[in-house]
């Protein structure tokens, strides 16, 4: 019996195209930035960050905590 894997090896990652968006969120008062990547529209992903903040997710150094402290303006 032989088993073939369709999972690419770590060196093959460059041949697969990622149809995602890289985004940067900067918290001016704290002079900190958050870099993320998503395959969804960035607007939808940011809504997910907001919902996480509303639910109390994230630790004291997280983007969610910055959203709770400073808002999303």
C-alpha atoms as a PDB file:
ATOM      1  CA  UNK A   1       0.000   0.000   0.000  1.00  0.00           C
ATOM      2  CA  UNK A   2       1.323   3.452  -0.877  1.00  0.00           C
ATOM      3  CA  UNK A   3       0.053   6.736   0.432  1.00  0.00           C
ATOM      4  CA  UNK A   4       0.607   9.936  -1.466  1.00  0.00           C
ATOM      5  CA  UNK A   5       0.431  13.291   0.171  1.00  0.00           C
ATOM      6  CA  UNK A   6      -0.895  16.367  -1.565  1.00  0.00           C
ATOM      7  CA  UNK A   7       0.398  18.642   1.172  1.00  0.00           C
ATOM      8  CA  UNK A   8       3.217  20.772  -0.203  1.00  0.00           C
ATOM      9  CA  UNK A   9       6.558  20.632   1.518  1.00  0.00           C
ATOM     10  CA  UNK A  10       7.813  23.692   3.345  1.00  0.00           C
ATOM     11  CA  UNK A  11      10.015  24.583   0.371  1.00  0.00           C
ATOM     12  CA  UNK A  12       7.072  24.492  -2.062  1.00  0.00           C
ATOM     13  CA  UNK A  13       5.078  27.302  -0.438  1.00  0.00           C
ATOM     14  CA  UNK A  14       6.330  29.836  -3.004  1.00  0.00           C
ATOM     15  CA  UNK A  15       4.522  28.152  -5.894  1.00  0.00           C
ATOM     16  CA  UNK A  16       1.069  28.670  -4.358  1.00  0.00           C
ATOM     17  CA  UNK A  17      -0.584  32.023  -4.858  1.00  0.00           C
ATOM     18  CA  UNK A  18      -2.253  33.584  -1.857  1.00  0.00           C
ATOM     19  CA  UNK A  19      -5.215  35.684  -2.845  1.00  0.00           C
ATOM     20  CA  UNK A  20      -5.179  37.576   0.398  1.00  0.00           C
ATOM     21  CA  UNK A  21      -4.738  41.100   1.601  1.00  0.00           C
ATOM     22  CA  UNK A  22      -2.003  42.262   3.918  1.00  0.00           C
ATOM     23  CA  UNK A  23      -3.087  45.131   6.123  1.00  0.00           C
ATOM     24  CA  UNK A  24      -1.520  47.446   8.692  1.00  0.00           C
ATOM     25  CA  UNK A  25      -3.358  48.960  11.648  1.00  0.00           C
ATOM     26  CA  UNK A  26      -1.481  51.632  13.588  1.00  0.00           C
ATOM     27  CA  UNK A  27      -2.390  52.857  17.059  1.00  0.00           C
ATOM     28  CA  UNK A  28      -1.043  56.412  17.053  1.00  0.00           C
ATOM     29  CA  UNK A  29      -1.281  57.067  20.833  1.00  0.00           C
ATOM     30  CA  UNK A  30       0.756  53.925  21.607  1.00  0.00           C
ATOM     31  CA  UNK A  31       3.027  54.154  18.528  1.00  0.00           C
ATOM     32  CA  UNK A  32       2.344  50.455  17.852  1.00  0.00           C
ATOM     33  CA  UNK A  33       1.345  48.693  14.655  1.00  0.00           C
ATOM     34  CA  UNK A  34      -0.445  45.427  13.886  1.00  0.00           C
ATOM     35  CA  UNK A  35       0.175  43.606  10.607  1.00  0.00           C
ATOM     36  CA  UNK A  36      -2.358  41.036   9.499  1.00  0.00           C
ATOM     37  CA  UNK A  37      -3.345  38.988   6.481  1.00  0.00           C
ATOM     38  CA  UNK A  38      -6.796  37.872   5.428  1.00  0.00           C
ATOM     39  CA  UNK A  39      -8.509  36.296   2.471  1.00  0.00           C
ATOM     40  CA  UNK A  40     -11.694  38.143   3.320  1.00  0.00           C
ATOM     41  CA  UNK A  41     -12.206  41.828   2.571  1.00  0.00           C
ATOM     42  CA  UNK A  42     -10.137  43.881   5.036  1.00  0.00           C
ATOM     43  CA  UNK A  43     -13.298  45.672   6.187  1.00  0.00           C
ATOM     44  CA  UNK A  44     -14.802  42.338   7.304  1.00  0.00           C
ATOM     45  CA  UNK A  45     -11.610  41.322   9.089  1.00  0.00           C
ATOM     46  CA  UNK A  46     -11.489  44.608  10.968  1.00  0.00           C
ATOM     47  CA  UNK A  47     -15.094  44.041  12.054  1.00  0.00           C
ATOM     48  CA  UNK A  48     -13.852  40.744  13.523  1.00  0.00           C
ATOM     49  CA  UNK A  49     -11.184  42.617  15.490  1.00  0.00           C
ATOM     50  CA  UNK A  50     -13.867  45.010  16.791  1.00  0.00           C
ATOM     51  CA  UNK A  51     -16.136  42.137  17.846  1.00  0.00           C
ATOM     52  CA  UNK A  52     -13.208  40.499  19.637  1.00  0.00           C
ATOM     53  CA  UNK A  53     -12.624  43.741  21.532  1.00  0.00           C
ATOM     54  CA  UNK A  54     -16.307  43.948  22.490  1.00  0.00           C
ATOM     55  CA  UNK A  55     -16.194  40.350  23.781  1.00  0.00           C
ATOM     56  CA  UNK A  56     -13.151  41.110  25.929  1.00  0.00           C
ATOM     57  CA  UNK A  57     -10.741  38.985  23.896  1.00  0.00           C
ATOM     58  CA  UNK A  58      -7.021  39.734  23.779  1.00  0.00           C
ATOM     59  CA  UNK A  59      -4.502  40.477  26.497  1.00  0.00           C
ATOM     60  CA  UNK A  60      -3.137  43.817  27.700  1.00  0.00           C
ATOM     61  CA  UNK A  61      -0.777  44.106  24.700  1.00  0.00           C
ATOM     62  CA  UNK A  62      -3.295  43.152  22.014  1.00  0.00           C
ATOM     63  CA  UNK A  63      -4.998  45.033  19.216  1.00  0.00           C
ATOM     64  CA  UNK A  64      -8.331  44.338  20.920  1.00  0.00           C
ATOM     65  CA  UNK A  65      -7.149  46.084  24.081  1.00  0.00           C
ATOM     66  CA  UNK A  66      -6.048  49.109  22.044  1.00  0.00           C
ATOM     67  CA  UNK A  67      -9.495  49.178  20.407  1.00  0.00           C
ATOM     68  CA  UNK A  68     -11.163  49.112  23.818  1.00  0.00           C
ATOM     69  CA  UNK A  69      -8.900  51.868  25.155  1.00  0.00           C
ATOM     70  CA  UNK A  70      -8.709  54.249  22.185  1.00  0.00           C
ATOM     71  CA  UNK A  71     -11.604  53.244  19.938  1.00  0.00           C
ATOM     72  CA  UNK A  72     -11.307  52.678  16.201  1.00  0.00           C
ATOM     73  CA  UNK A  73     -11.051  56.231  14.896  1.00  0.00           C
END
